[in-house]
Amino acid sequence: MNTDFFIQLLLKVKEFEEEVPFKNSVTVDEFRLWLNEKAYQETNPTALFKKENKTVFDIENEIAKQVILLGRFSKQMIRRGLKDFPQLANEEFTYLYRMIDEDSLTKMQLIERNAHEKQTGIEIIKRLVKNDLLEELPDEKDKRITRLRITPKGKTYFNESVEGVTRISRVLAARLHEDEKSDLLALLKKLNEFHFNVYFNHKDSNIDEINELI
């Protein structure tokens, strides 16, 4: 390695020390995360768009970024929290939990309650049926329709995994105070009301048409 590299590294360390509140011991991971954020700020879509003199909506872009990141973190936490229940570690647990208070639902009813595309939902249902957590049965009024019902094994999985899900929920809420949690919940519900409307009533609309709904 040449001397210039070490000079640049030391300059970054100095910048890090000046920006980050003083701590008795700073870890390498904290420095790495700081470097990653710096790199993101220089190459993120907002910065690149501004460089090209494109119109940028800073706060909306930042909201989108944070929502995407939170979605990724939540999936990681779900896998960790449900490590003893690998059959539920992806989207399966939300489907099973939707069924716990229902006598039965059609496949599309269950898929729509989870706001999934049809093919994605069908694959999740197949895995739950294969693992004997849900069972299929014909609709009493229309034999062409397949309904779903939670199995005894599914109920057992639900009861045994509830504690893990509660811990996951607590971790995802992190260090927010109670009033912050209430405020965030209200905002998330407001966002989801809009997106559920798009999901149910504007399935074939393009992004420009959806933008007109705002």
N, C-alpha and C. Protein backbone atom coordinates (compact mmCIF):
# COMPACT_ATOMS: atom_id res chain seq x y z
N MET A 1 0.84 -1.20 0.00
CA MET A 1 0.00 0.00 0.00
C MET A 1 0.88 1.25 0.00
N ASN A 2 0.44 2.29 -0.70
CA ASN A 2 1.25 3.50 -0.75
C ASN A 2 0.89 4.46 0.38
N THR A 3 1.75 5.45 0.55
CA THR A 3 1.59 6.40 1.65
C THR A 3 0.30 7.21 1.53
N ASP A 4 -0.10 7.53 0.29
CA ASP A 4 -1.31 8.33 0.09
C ASP A 4 -2.54 7.68 0.72
N PHE A 5 -2.60 6.35 0.63
CA PHE A 5 -3.75 5.63 1.21
C PHE A 5 -3.84 5.88 2.70
N PHE A 6 -2.70 5.76 3.40
CA PHE A 6 -2.70 5.95 4.85
C PHE A 6 -3.00 7.39 5.23
N ILE A 7 -2.53 8.33 4.40
CA ILE A 7 -2.85 9.74 4.66
C ILE A 7 -4.35 9.97 4.55
N GLN A 8 -4.97 9.41 3.48
CA GLN A 8 -6.42 9.55 3.29
C GLN A 8 -7.18 8.89 4.44
N LEU A 9 -6.68 7.73 4.88
CA LEU A 9 -7.34 7.02 5.99
C LEU A 9 -7.29 7.85 7.27
N LEU A 10 -6.12 8.42 7.56
CA LEU A 10 -5.98 9.24 8.77
C LEU A 10 -6.86 10.49 8.70
N LEU A 11 -6.98 11.06 7.52
CA LEU A 11 -7.85 12.23 7.35
C LEU A 11 -9.31 11.86 7.62
N LYS A 12 -9.71 10.67 7.16
CA LYS A 12 -11.07 10.20 7.41
C LYS A 12 -11.29 9.95 8.91
N VAL A 13 -10.29 9.37 9.56
CA VAL A 13 -10.39 9.14 11.00
C VAL A 13 -10.55 10.46 11.74
N LYS A 14 -9.79 11.47 11.33
CA LYS A 14 -9.89 12.80 11.95
C LYS A 14 -11.28 13.39 11.73
N GLU A 15 -11.80 13.26 10.51
CA GLU A 15 -13.14 13.76 10.21
C GLU A 15 -14.19 13.04 11.05
N PHE A 16 -14.02 11.72 11.21
CA PHE A 16 -14.92 10.91 12.02
C PHE A 16 -14.93 11.39 13.46
N GLU A 17 -13.74 11.63 14.02
CA GLU A 17 -13.63 12.08 15.40
C GLU A 17 -14.29 13.44 15.61
N GLU A 18 -14.23 14.29 14.59
CA GLU A 18 -14.81 15.63 14.70
C GLU A 18 -16.33 15.61 14.59
N GLU A 19 -16.85 14.65 13.82
CA GLU A 19 -18.30 14.60 13.59
C GLU A 19 -19.05 13.81 14.65
N VAL A 20 -18.43 12.74 15.11
CA VAL A 20 -19.11 11.83 16.04
C VAL A 20 -18.90 12.32 17.47
N PRO A 21 -19.97 12.36 18.28
CA PRO A 21 -19.83 12.78 19.68
C PRO A 21 -18.75 11.96 20.38
N PHE A 22 -17.99 12.61 21.24
CA PHE A 22 -16.86 11.95 21.90
C PHE A 22 -17.31 10.75 22.72
N LYS A 23 -16.56 9.67 22.54
CA LYS A 23 -16.81 8.46 23.33
C LYS A 23 -15.48 7.97 23.88
N ASN A 24 -15.53 7.29 25.01
CA ASN A 24 -14.30 6.74 25.57
C ASN A 24 -13.69 5.68 24.67
N SER A 25 -14.54 4.92 24.03
CA SER A 25 -14.03 3.89 23.12
C SER A 25 -14.93 3.81 21.90
N VAL A 26 -14.34 4.06 20.75
CA VAL A 26 -15.06 3.99 19.49
C VAL A 26 -14.64 2.71 18.79
N THR A 27 -15.61 1.95 18.29
CA THR A 27 -15.30 0.67 17.67
C THR A 27 -15.03 0.82 16.18
N VAL A 28 -14.37 -0.18 15.64
CA VAL A 28 -14.12 -0.22 14.20
C VAL A 28 -15.44 -0.28 13.44
N ASP A 29 -16.41 -1.01 13.99
CA ASP A 29 -17.72 -1.12 13.32
C ASP A 29 -18.39 0.24 13.21
N GLU A 30 -18.27 1.06 14.24
CA GLU A 30 -18.87 2.40 14.20
C GLU A 30 -18.21 3.25 13.12
N PHE A 31 -16.89 3.13 13.01
CA PHE A 31 -16.16 3.85 11.97
C PHE A 31 -16.57 3.36 10.59
N ARG A 32 -16.72 2.04 10.45
CA ARG A 32 -17.13 1.45 9.16
C ARG A 32 -18.52 1.94 8.77
N LEU A 33 -19.45 1.94 9.72
CA LEU A 33 -20.81 2.42 9.43
C LEU A 33 -20.81 3.88 9.02
N TRP A 34 -19.96 4.67 9.68
CA TRP A 34 -19.85 6.09 9.34
C TRP A 34 -19.33 6.25 7.91
N LEU A 35 -18.31 5.46 7.54
CA LEU A 35 -17.78 5.51 6.18
C LEU A 35 -18.84 5.12 5.16
N ASN A 36 -19.62 4.08 5.49
CA ASN A 36 -20.68 3.64 4.57
C ASN A 36 -21.71 4.75 4.35
N GLU A 37 -22.07 5.43 5.43
CA GLU A 37 -23.05 6.51 5.31
C GLU A 37 -22.49 7.66 4.49
N LYS A 38 -21.21 7.96 4.68
CA LYS A 38 -20.56 9.01 3.88
C LYS A 38 -20.60 8.66 2.40
N ALA A 39 -20.27 7.40 2.10
CA ALA A 39 -20.28 6.96 0.70
C ALA A 39 -21.68 7.04 0.13
N TYR A 40 -22.68 6.67 0.95
CA TYR A 40 -24.06 6.74 0.47
C TYR A 40 -24.45 8.18 0.16
N GLN A 41 -24.07 9.11 1.04
CA GLN A 41 -24.44 10.51 0.83
C GLN A 41 -23.87 11.05 -0.47
N GLU A 42 -22.72 10.52 -0.89
CA GLU A 42 -22.08 11.00 -2.11
C GLU A 42 -22.63 10.34 -3.36
N THR A 43 -23.21 9.15 -3.20
CA THR A 43 -23.64 8.40 -4.39
C THR A 43 -25.12 8.07 -4.39
N ASN A 44 -25.88 8.53 -3.39
CA ASN A 44 -27.30 8.19 -3.34
C ASN A 44 -28.05 8.88 -4.48
N PRO A 45 -29.22 8.39 -4.83
CA PRO A 45 -29.97 8.95 -5.95
C PRO A 45 -30.20 10.45 -5.85
N THR A 46 -30.43 10.97 -4.64
CA THR A 46 -30.65 12.41 -4.49
C THR A 46 -29.43 13.19 -4.94
N ALA A 47 -28.25 12.77 -4.47
CA ALA A 47 -27.02 13.48 -4.84
C ALA A 47 -26.77 13.39 -6.33
N LEU A 48 -26.98 12.21 -6.91
CA LEU A 48 -26.75 12.03 -8.34
C LEU A 48 -27.74 12.84 -9.17
N PHE A 49 -29.00 12.88 -8.74
CA PHE A 49 -30.00 13.66 -9.47
C PHE A 49 -29.67 15.15 -9.44
N LYS A 50 -29.24 15.62 -8.27
CA LYS A 50 -28.88 17.04 -8.16
C LYS A 50 -27.70 17.37 -9.06
N LYS A 51 -26.75 16.44 -9.14
CA LYS A 51 -25.58 16.64 -10.00
C LYS A 51 -26.00 16.82 -11.45
N GLU A 52 -27.06 16.12 -11.84
CA GLU A 52 -27.57 16.20 -13.21
C GLU A 52 -28.66 17.26 -13.35
N ASN A 53 -28.82 18.09 -12.29
CA ASN A 53 -29.82 19.17 -12.30
C ASN A 53 -31.25 18.65 -12.50
N LYS A 54 -31.54 17.49 -11.91
CA LYS A 54 -32.89 16.94 -11.96
C LYS A 54 -33.67 17.38 -10.73
N THR A 55 -35.01 17.42 -10.88
CA THR A 55 -35.85 17.78 -9.74
C THR A 55 -35.81 16.68 -8.69
N VAL A 56 -35.57 17.07 -7.45
CA VAL A 56 -35.47 16.10 -6.36
C VAL A 56 -36.38 16.53 -5.21
N PHE A 57 -37.13 15.56 -4.68
CA PHE A 57 -37.97 15.80 -3.51
C PHE A 57 -37.27 15.17 -2.31
N ASP A 58 -36.43 15.97 -1.64
CA ASP A 58 -35.52 15.43 -0.63
C ASP A 58 -36.23 14.63 0.45
N ILE A 59 -37.28 15.20 1.04
CA ILE A 59 -37.90 14.53 2.18
C ILE A 59 -38.61 13.25 1.76
N GLU A 60 -39.25 13.26 0.57
CA GLU A 60 -39.90 12.05 0.09
C GLU A 60 -38.88 10.95 -0.21
N ASN A 61 -37.73 11.35 -0.79
CA ASN A 61 -36.68 10.37 -1.06
C ASN A 61 -36.14 9.77 0.24
N GLU A 62 -36.00 10.62 1.25
CA GLU A 62 -35.49 10.13 2.52
C GLU A 62 -36.49 9.21 3.21
N ILE A 63 -37.79 9.54 3.11
CA ILE A 63 -38.82 8.66 3.66
C ILE A 63 -38.76 7.30 2.97
N ALA A 64 -38.65 7.30 1.64
CA ALA A 64 -38.58 6.05 0.89
C ALA A 64 -37.37 5.23 1.32
N LYS A 65 -36.24 5.89 1.47
CA LYS A 65 -35.03 5.20 1.91
C LYS A 65 -35.22 4.56 3.27
N GLN A 66 -35.78 5.32 4.22
CA GLN A 66 -35.96 4.80 5.58
C GLN A 66 -36.97 3.66 5.63
N VAL A 67 -38.04 3.76 4.84
CA VAL A 67 -39.04 2.69 4.80
C VAL A 67 -38.42 1.41 4.25
N ILE A 68 -37.63 1.54 3.18
CA ILE A 68 -36.98 0.37 2.58
C ILE A 68 -36.01 -0.27 3.58
N LEU A 69 -35.21 0.56 4.25
CA LEU A 69 -34.27 0.03 5.24
C LEU A 69 -35.00 -0.67 6.38
N LEU A 70 -36.08 -0.06 6.87
CA LEU A 70 -36.84 -0.66 7.96
C LEU A 70 -37.42 -2.01 7.55
N GLY A 71 -37.87 -2.10 6.29
CA GLY A 71 -38.38 -3.37 5.79
C GLY A 71 -37.31 -4.45 5.81
N ARG A 72 -36.08 -4.07 5.43
CA ARG A 72 -34.98 -5.04 5.44
C ARG A 72 -34.63 -5.46 6.86
N PHE A 73 -34.57 -4.46 7.76
CA PHE A 73 -34.25 -4.78 9.16
C PHE A 73 -35.32 -5.68 9.77
N SER A 74 -36.58 -5.42 9.45
CA SER A 74 -37.67 -6.22 10.04
C SER A 74 -37.56 -7.67 9.59
N LYS A 75 -37.21 -7.90 8.32
CA LYS A 75 -37.05 -9.28 7.84
C LYS A 75 -35.91 -9.98 8.57
N GLN A 76 -34.82 -9.25 8.81
CA GLN A 76 -33.70 -9.84 9.55
C GLN A 76 -34.11 -10.21 10.97
N MET A 77 -34.85 -9.32 11.63
CA MET A 77 -35.28 -9.58 13.00
C MET A 77 -36.26 -10.75 13.07
N ILE A 78 -37.14 -10.85 12.07
CA ILE A 78 -38.10 -11.95 12.03
C ILE A 78 -37.37 -13.28 11.93
N ARG A 79 -36.35 -13.34 11.07
CA ARG A 79 -35.59 -14.59 10.94
C ARG A 79 -34.89 -14.94 12.25
N ARG A 80 -34.35 -13.94 12.93
CA ARG A 80 -33.68 -14.21 14.21
C ARG A 80 -34.68 -14.63 15.28
N GLY A 81 -35.77 -13.90 15.36
CA GLY A 81 -36.75 -14.16 16.41
C GLY A 81 -37.49 -15.47 16.25
N LEU A 82 -37.60 -15.94 15.00
CA LEU A 82 -38.32 -17.19 14.74
C LEU A 82 -37.37 -18.29 14.28
N LYS A 83 -36.13 -18.26 14.77
CA LYS A 83 -35.14 -19.25 14.34
C LYS A 83 -35.55 -20.67 14.70
N ASP A 84 -36.36 -20.83 15.74
CA ASP A 84 -36.83 -22.17 16.12
C ASP A 84 -38.06 -22.60 15.32
N PHE A 85 -38.53 -21.70 14.46
CA PHE A 85 -39.70 -21.99 13.62
C PHE A 85 -39.38 -21.62 12.17
N PRO A 86 -38.46 -22.36 11.54
CA PRO A 86 -38.02 -22.01 10.18
C PRO A 86 -39.16 -21.98 9.17
N GLN A 87 -40.24 -22.73 9.45
CA GLN A 87 -41.38 -22.72 8.52
C GLN A 87 -42.13 -21.39 8.55
N LEU A 88 -41.83 -20.53 9.53
CA LEU A 88 -42.54 -19.25 9.65
C LEU A 88 -41.62 -18.06 9.44
N ALA A 89 -40.36 -18.31 9.11
CA ALA A 89 -39.35 -17.26 9.20
C ALA A 89 -39.39 -16.21 8.10
N ASN A 90 -40.16 -16.40 7.07
CA ASN A 90 -40.25 -15.37 6.03
C ASN A 90 -41.61 -14.68 6.13
N GLU A 91 -42.40 -14.75 5.08
CA GLU A 91 -43.73 -14.13 5.12
C GLU A 91 -44.77 -15.08 5.71
N GLU A 92 -44.38 -16.34 5.91
CA GLU A 92 -45.35 -17.33 6.35
C GLU A 92 -46.02 -16.97 7.67
N PHE A 93 -45.26 -16.37 8.57
CA PHE A 93 -45.84 -16.12 9.90
C PHE A 93 -47.00 -15.13 9.83
N THR A 94 -46.93 -14.14 8.91
CA THR A 94 -48.03 -13.18 8.81
C THR A 94 -49.29 -13.86 8.28
N TYR A 95 -49.12 -14.82 7.38
CA TYR A 95 -50.27 -15.55 6.84
C TYR A 95 -50.90 -16.41 7.93
N LEU A 96 -50.07 -17.10 8.69
CA LEU A 96 -50.59 -17.96 9.76
C LEU A 96 -51.32 -17.12 10.81
N TYR A 97 -50.76 -15.96 11.14
CA TYR A 97 -51.36 -15.12 12.16
C TYR A 97 -52.67 -14.52 11.68
N ARG A 98 -52.78 -14.27 10.38
CA ARG A 98 -54.04 -13.77 9.82
C ARG A 98 -55.14 -14.82 9.96
N MET A 99 -54.77 -16.09 9.95
CA MET A 99 -55.76 -17.17 9.95
C MET A 99 -56.22 -17.55 11.35
N ILE A 100 -55.50 -17.13 12.38
CA ILE A 100 -55.77 -17.66 13.71
C ILE A 100 -57.17 -17.31 14.21
N ASP A 101 -57.71 -16.17 13.81
CA ASP A 101 -59.04 -15.75 14.27
C ASP A 101 -60.12 -16.00 13.22
N GLU A 102 -59.79 -16.71 12.16
CA GLU A 102 -60.74 -16.95 11.07
C GLU A 102 -61.13 -18.43 11.02
N ASP A 103 -62.43 -18.68 10.79
CA ASP A 103 -62.84 -20.07 10.55
C ASP A 103 -62.21 -20.56 9.25
N SER A 104 -62.28 -19.72 8.23
CA SER A 104 -61.65 -20.04 6.95
C SER A 104 -61.63 -18.78 6.09
N LEU A 105 -60.72 -18.76 5.12
CA LEU A 105 -60.64 -17.70 4.13
C LEU A 105 -60.34 -18.32 2.78
N THR A 106 -60.75 -17.65 1.72
CA THR A 106 -60.31 -18.10 0.40
C THR A 106 -58.85 -17.71 0.24
N LYS A 107 -58.21 -18.31 -0.74
CA LYS A 107 -56.80 -17.98 -0.97
C LYS A 107 -56.62 -16.50 -1.27
N MET A 108 -57.49 -15.96 -2.11
CA MET A 108 -57.34 -14.55 -2.48
C MET A 108 -57.65 -13.62 -1.31
N GLN A 109 -58.58 -14.00 -0.45
CA GLN A 109 -58.85 -13.18 0.74
C GLN A 109 -57.60 -13.09 1.62
N LEU A 110 -56.94 -14.22 1.81
CA LEU A 110 -55.74 -14.24 2.64
C LEU A 110 -54.61 -13.45 1.99
N ILE A 111 -54.45 -13.63 0.69
CA ILE A 111 -53.40 -12.91 -0.04
C ILE A 111 -53.63 -11.40 0.03
N GLU A 112 -54.87 -10.99 -0.17
CA GLU A 112 -55.17 -9.55 -0.18
C GLU A 112 -55.03 -8.93 1.21
N ARG A 113 -55.30 -9.68 2.25
CA ARG A 113 -55.13 -9.13 3.60
C ARG A 113 -53.66 -8.91 3.92
N ASN A 114 -52.80 -9.59 3.17
CA ASN A 114 -51.36 -9.40 3.34
C ASN A 114 -50.77 -8.50 2.26
N ALA A 115 -51.64 -7.97 1.38
CA ALA A 115 -51.23 -7.02 0.33
C ALA A 115 -50.12 -7.57 -0.56
N HIS A 116 -50.22 -8.85 -0.90
CA HIS A 116 -49.25 -9.46 -1.80
C HIS A 116 -49.80 -9.56 -3.21
N GLU A 117 -48.90 -9.72 -4.17
CA GLU A 117 -49.32 -10.10 -5.51
C GLU A 117 -49.75 -11.56 -5.47
N LYS A 118 -50.63 -11.93 -6.40
CA LYS A 118 -51.24 -13.25 -6.36
C LYS A 118 -50.21 -14.38 -6.35
N GLN A 119 -49.24 -14.32 -7.27
CA GLN A 119 -48.30 -15.43 -7.39
C GLN A 119 -47.44 -15.58 -6.14
N THR A 120 -47.03 -14.45 -5.57
CA THR A 120 -46.25 -14.49 -4.33
C THR A 120 -47.05 -15.14 -3.21
N GLY A 121 -48.31 -14.73 -3.08
CA GLY A 121 -49.17 -15.28 -2.04
C GLY A 121 -49.43 -16.77 -2.22
N ILE A 122 -49.63 -17.19 -3.46
CA ILE A 122 -49.87 -18.61 -3.74
C ILE A 122 -48.68 -19.46 -3.30
N GLU A 123 -47.46 -18.98 -3.56
CA GLU A 123 -46.26 -19.73 -3.17
C GLU A 123 -46.16 -19.84 -1.65
N ILE A 124 -46.49 -18.78 -0.94
CA ILE A 124 -46.46 -18.81 0.53
C ILE A 124 -47.49 -19.80 1.06
N ILE A 125 -48.68 -19.76 0.50
CA ILE A 125 -49.75 -20.69 0.92
C ILE A 125 -49.34 -22.13 0.65
N LYS A 126 -48.72 -22.39 -0.50
CA LYS A 126 -48.27 -23.75 -0.82
C LYS A 126 -47.31 -24.27 0.25
N ARG A 127 -46.40 -23.41 0.70
CA ARG A 127 -45.43 -23.85 1.71
C ARG A 127 -46.12 -24.13 3.04
N LEU A 128 -47.10 -23.30 3.40
CA LEU A 128 -47.83 -23.53 4.65
C LEU A 128 -48.65 -24.81 4.60
N VAL A 129 -49.25 -25.08 3.46
CA VAL A 129 -50.02 -26.33 3.29
C VAL A 129 -49.08 -27.53 3.32
N LYS A 130 -47.95 -27.41 2.63
CA LYS A 130 -46.97 -28.50 2.60
C LYS A 130 -46.46 -28.84 4.00
N ASN A 131 -46.32 -27.83 4.85
CA ASN A 131 -45.83 -28.04 6.21
C ASN A 131 -46.95 -28.34 7.20
N ASP A 132 -48.17 -28.56 6.67
CA ASP A 132 -49.32 -28.94 7.49
C ASP A 132 -49.69 -27.87 8.52
N LEU A 133 -49.48 -26.60 8.15
CA LEU A 133 -49.87 -25.50 9.02
C LEU A 133 -51.22 -24.92 8.60
N LEU A 134 -51.53 -25.03 7.32
CA LEU A 134 -52.85 -24.70 6.78
C LEU A 134 -53.35 -25.90 6.00
N GLU A 135 -54.68 -26.01 5.91
CA GLU A 135 -55.26 -27.07 5.08
C GLU A 135 -56.25 -26.46 4.10
N GLU A 136 -56.38 -27.10 2.95
CA GLU A 136 -57.30 -26.65 1.91
C GLU A 136 -58.60 -27.43 2.01
N LEU A 137 -59.71 -26.76 1.75
CA LEU A 137 -61.00 -27.43 1.73
C LEU A 137 -61.91 -26.71 0.73
N PRO A 138 -62.82 -27.43 0.10
CA PRO A 138 -63.70 -26.80 -0.89
C PRO A 138 -64.73 -25.89 -0.22
N ASP A 139 -65.07 -24.81 -0.90
CA ASP A 139 -66.11 -23.91 -0.41
C ASP A 139 -67.45 -24.63 -0.45
N GLU A 140 -68.25 -24.49 0.60
CA GLU A 140 -69.53 -25.21 0.68
C GLU A 140 -70.51 -24.76 -0.38
N LYS A 141 -70.45 -23.48 -0.76
CA LYS A 141 -71.40 -22.95 -1.74
C LYS A 141 -70.90 -23.06 -3.18
N ASP A 142 -69.59 -22.97 -3.36
CA ASP A 142 -69.02 -23.01 -4.70
C ASP A 142 -67.79 -23.90 -4.68
N LYS A 143 -67.94 -25.12 -5.19
CA LYS A 143 -66.87 -26.11 -5.13
C LYS A 143 -65.64 -25.71 -5.94
N ARG A 144 -65.79 -24.71 -6.80
CA ARG A 144 -64.64 -24.26 -7.59
C ARG A 144 -63.67 -23.43 -6.75
N ILE A 145 -64.17 -22.94 -5.61
CA ILE A 145 -63.36 -22.08 -4.74
C ILE A 145 -62.71 -22.92 -3.64
N THR A 146 -61.42 -22.72 -3.45
CA THR A 146 -60.70 -23.40 -2.38
C THR A 146 -60.54 -22.48 -1.19
N ARG A 147 -60.92 -22.98 -0.04
CA ARG A 147 -60.78 -22.21 1.19
C ARG A 147 -59.61 -22.76 2.01
N LEU A 148 -59.17 -21.97 2.96
CA LEU A 148 -58.04 -22.35 3.81
C LEU A 148 -58.46 -22.30 5.26
N ARG A 149 -57.90 -23.22 6.04
CA ARG A 149 -58.19 -23.26 7.47
C ARG A 149 -56.89 -23.62 8.20
N ILE A 150 -56.70 -23.03 9.37
CA ILE A 150 -55.50 -23.35 10.13
C ILE A 150 -55.65 -24.75 10.73
N THR A 151 -54.58 -25.52 10.74
CA THR A 151 -54.59 -26.89 11.26
C THR A 151 -54.25 -26.89 12.75
N PRO A 152 -54.48 -28.01 13.43
CA PRO A 152 -54.03 -28.11 14.83
C PRO A 152 -52.54 -27.83 14.97
N LYS A 153 -51.74 -28.32 14.03
CA LYS A 153 -50.30 -28.05 14.06
C LYS A 153 -50.04 -26.55 13.90
N GLY A 154 -50.82 -25.92 13.01
CA GLY A 154 -50.68 -24.48 12.81
C GLY A 154 -50.98 -23.70 14.07
N LYS A 155 -52.03 -24.12 14.79
CA LYS A 155 -52.38 -23.45 16.06
C LYS A 155 -51.29 -23.64 17.10
N THR A 156 -50.69 -24.83 17.12
CA THR A 156 -49.58 -25.09 18.04
C THR A 156 -48.40 -24.18 17.73
N TYR A 157 -48.07 -24.08 16.44
CA TYR A 157 -46.98 -23.19 16.02
C TYR A 157 -47.28 -21.75 16.42
N PHE A 158 -48.52 -21.35 16.22
CA PHE A 158 -48.91 -19.98 16.59
C PHE A 158 -48.67 -19.75 18.08
N ASN A 159 -49.20 -20.63 18.91
CA ASN A 159 -49.11 -20.46 20.36
C ASN A 159 -47.65 -20.49 20.84
N GLU A 160 -46.83 -21.34 20.22
CA GLU A 160 -45.45 -21.46 20.66
C GLU A 160 -44.57 -20.32 20.16
N SER A 161 -44.98 -19.66 19.08
CA SER A 161 -44.15 -18.60 18.49
C SER A 161 -44.57 -17.20 18.91
N VAL A 162 -45.69 -17.08 19.62
CA VAL A 162 -46.21 -15.76 20.00
C VAL A 162 -45.18 -14.96 20.80
N GLU A 163 -44.51 -15.62 21.73
CA GLU A 163 -43.53 -14.92 22.57
C GLU A 163 -42.40 -14.35 21.71
N GLY A 164 -41.95 -15.15 20.73
CA GLY A 164 -40.90 -14.68 19.84
C GLY A 164 -41.34 -13.48 19.02
N VAL A 165 -42.57 -13.51 18.55
CA VAL A 165 -43.10 -12.40 17.75
C VAL A 165 -43.22 -11.14 18.61
N THR A 166 -43.60 -11.31 19.87
CA THR A 166 -43.69 -10.17 20.78
C THR A 166 -42.32 -9.52 20.97
N ARG A 167 -41.29 -10.35 21.11
CA ARG A 167 -39.93 -9.82 21.25
C ARG A 167 -39.50 -9.09 19.98
N ILE A 168 -39.84 -9.67 18.83
CA ILE A 168 -39.51 -9.03 17.55
C ILE A 168 -40.15 -7.65 17.48
N SER A 169 -41.42 -7.57 17.85
CA SER A 169 -42.14 -6.29 17.79
C SER A 169 -41.49 -5.26 18.69
N ARG A 170 -41.06 -5.69 19.86
CA ARG A 170 -40.40 -4.77 20.80
C ARG A 170 -39.08 -4.27 20.22
N VAL A 171 -38.31 -5.17 19.63
CA VAL A 171 -37.03 -4.78 19.03
C VAL A 171 -37.24 -3.80 17.88
N LEU A 172 -38.25 -4.06 17.05
CA LEU A 172 -38.50 -3.19 15.91
C LEU A 172 -38.91 -1.78 16.35
N ALA A 173 -39.62 -1.69 17.46
CA ALA A 173 -39.99 -0.36 17.98
C ALA A 173 -38.81 0.34 18.64
N ALA A 174 -37.76 -0.43 18.92
CA ALA A 174 -36.48 0.10 19.41
C ALA A 174 -36.66 0.97 20.65
N ARG A 175 -36.03 2.15 20.62
CA ARG A 175 -36.01 3.00 21.82
C ARG A 175 -37.00 4.15 21.74
N LEU A 176 -38.00 4.01 20.93
CA LEU A 176 -39.01 5.06 20.86
C LEU A 176 -39.78 5.14 22.18
N HIS A 177 -40.08 6.37 22.59
CA HIS A 177 -40.93 6.56 23.77
C HIS A 177 -42.38 6.23 23.40
N GLU A 178 -43.21 6.07 24.42
CA GLU A 178 -44.60 5.66 24.17
C GLU A 178 -45.33 6.65 23.28
N ASP A 179 -45.11 7.95 23.49
CA ASP A 179 -45.79 8.93 22.65
C ASP A 179 -45.26 8.89 21.22
N GLU A 180 -43.97 8.60 21.06
CA GLU A 180 -43.39 8.47 19.72
C GLU A 180 -43.96 7.25 19.00
N LYS A 181 -44.14 6.17 19.75
CA LYS A 181 -44.74 4.97 19.16
C LYS A 181 -46.16 5.25 18.67
N SER A 182 -46.91 5.97 19.48
CA SER A 182 -48.29 6.30 19.09
C SER A 182 -48.32 7.19 17.86
N ASP A 183 -47.41 8.18 17.82
CA ASP A 183 -47.35 9.07 16.66
C ASP A 183 -46.95 8.31 15.41
N LEU A 184 -45.94 7.45 15.55
CA LEU A 184 -45.48 6.66 14.40
C LEU A 184 -46.58 5.74 13.90
N LEU A 185 -47.27 5.08 14.83
CA LEU A 185 -48.35 4.17 14.45
C LEU A 185 -49.43 4.90 13.66
N ALA A 186 -49.80 6.09 14.12
CA ALA A 186 -50.82 6.87 13.42
C ALA A 186 -50.37 7.23 12.00
N LEU A 187 -49.11 7.60 11.85
CA LEU A 187 -48.59 7.96 10.53
C LEU A 187 -48.52 6.74 9.61
N LEU A 188 -48.08 5.61 10.17
CA LEU A 188 -48.00 4.39 9.36
C LEU A 188 -49.38 3.94 8.90
N LYS A 189 -50.36 4.04 9.79
CA LYS A 189 -51.73 3.68 9.40
C LYS A 189 -52.24 4.59 8.29
N LYS A 190 -51.91 5.87 8.39
CA LYS A 190 -52.33 6.83 7.37
C LYS A 190 -51.68 6.49 6.02
N LEU A 191 -50.40 6.16 6.04
CA LEU A 191 -49.71 5.75 4.82
C LEU A 191 -50.33 4.48 4.23
N ASN A 192 -50.59 3.51 5.10
CA ASN A 192 -51.12 2.24 4.62
C ASN A 192 -52.54 2.36 4.10
N GLU A 193 -53.32 3.28 4.64
CA GLU A 193 -54.66 3.52 4.09
C GLU A 193 -54.58 3.92 2.63
N PHE A 194 -53.63 4.80 2.32
CA PHE A 194 -53.45 5.23 0.94
C PHE A 194 -53.01 4.05 0.07
N HIS A 195 -52.03 3.30 0.55
CA HIS A 195 -51.47 2.23 -0.28
C HIS A 195 -52.42 1.04 -0.40
N PHE A 196 -53.24 0.79 0.61
CA PHE A 196 -54.26 -0.25 0.47
C PHE A 196 -55.30 0.17 -0.57
N ASN A 197 -55.63 1.44 -0.61
CA ASN A 197 -56.55 1.93 -1.63
C ASN A 197 -55.97 1.70 -3.03
N VAL A 198 -54.68 2.00 -3.18
CA VAL A 198 -54.01 1.75 -4.47
C VAL A 198 -54.02 0.25 -4.78
N TYR A 199 -53.70 -0.55 -3.77
CA TYR A 199 -53.62 -2.01 -3.95
C TYR A 199 -54.96 -2.60 -4.40
N PHE A 200 -56.05 -2.16 -3.79
CA PHE A 200 -57.36 -2.75 -4.10
C PHE A 200 -58.04 -2.10 -5.30
N ASN A 201 -57.87 -0.81 -5.47
CA ASN A 201 -58.68 -0.09 -6.46
C ASN A 201 -57.93 0.43 -7.67
N HIS A 202 -56.62 0.32 -7.66
CA HIS A 202 -55.85 0.86 -8.78
C HIS A 202 -54.75 -0.11 -9.20
N LYS A 203 -55.09 -1.38 -9.26
CA LYS A 203 -54.10 -2.42 -9.58
C LYS A 203 -53.44 -2.19 -10.93
N ASP A 204 -54.19 -1.67 -11.89
CA ASP A 204 -53.67 -1.53 -13.25
C ASP A 204 -53.19 -0.12 -13.56
N SER A 205 -53.18 0.75 -12.57
CA SER A 205 -52.75 2.13 -12.80
C SER A 205 -51.23 2.22 -12.88
N ASN A 206 -50.74 3.11 -13.74
CA ASN A 206 -49.30 3.32 -13.79
C ASN A 206 -48.91 4.34 -12.72
N ILE A 207 -47.61 4.56 -12.57
CA ILE A 207 -47.13 5.39 -11.46
C ILE A 207 -47.59 6.84 -11.60
N ASP A 208 -47.73 7.33 -12.83
CA ASP A 208 -48.20 8.70 -13.02
C ASP A 208 -49.66 8.85 -12.58
N GLU A 209 -50.48 7.84 -12.88
CA GLU A 209 -51.88 7.87 -12.47
C GLU A 209 -52.01 7.79 -10.95
N ILE A 210 -51.16 6.96 -10.33
CA ILE A 210 -51.17 6.86 -8.87
C ILE A 210 -50.72 8.17 -8.24
N ASN A 211 -49.75 8.81 -8.88
CA ASN A 211 -49.26 10.10 -8.37
C ASN A 211 -50.36 11.15 -8.34
N GLU A 212 -51.32 11.04 -9.26
CA GLU A 212 -52.43 12.00 -9.30
C GLU A 212 -53.38 11.83 -8.11
N LEU A 213 -53.31 10.70 -7.41
CA LEU A 213 -54.17 10.47 -6.25
C LEU A 213 -53.70 11.24 -5.03
N ILE A 214 -52.48 11.70 -5.06
CA ILE A 214 -51.90 12.37 -3.88
C ILE A 214 -52.40 13.81 -3.79
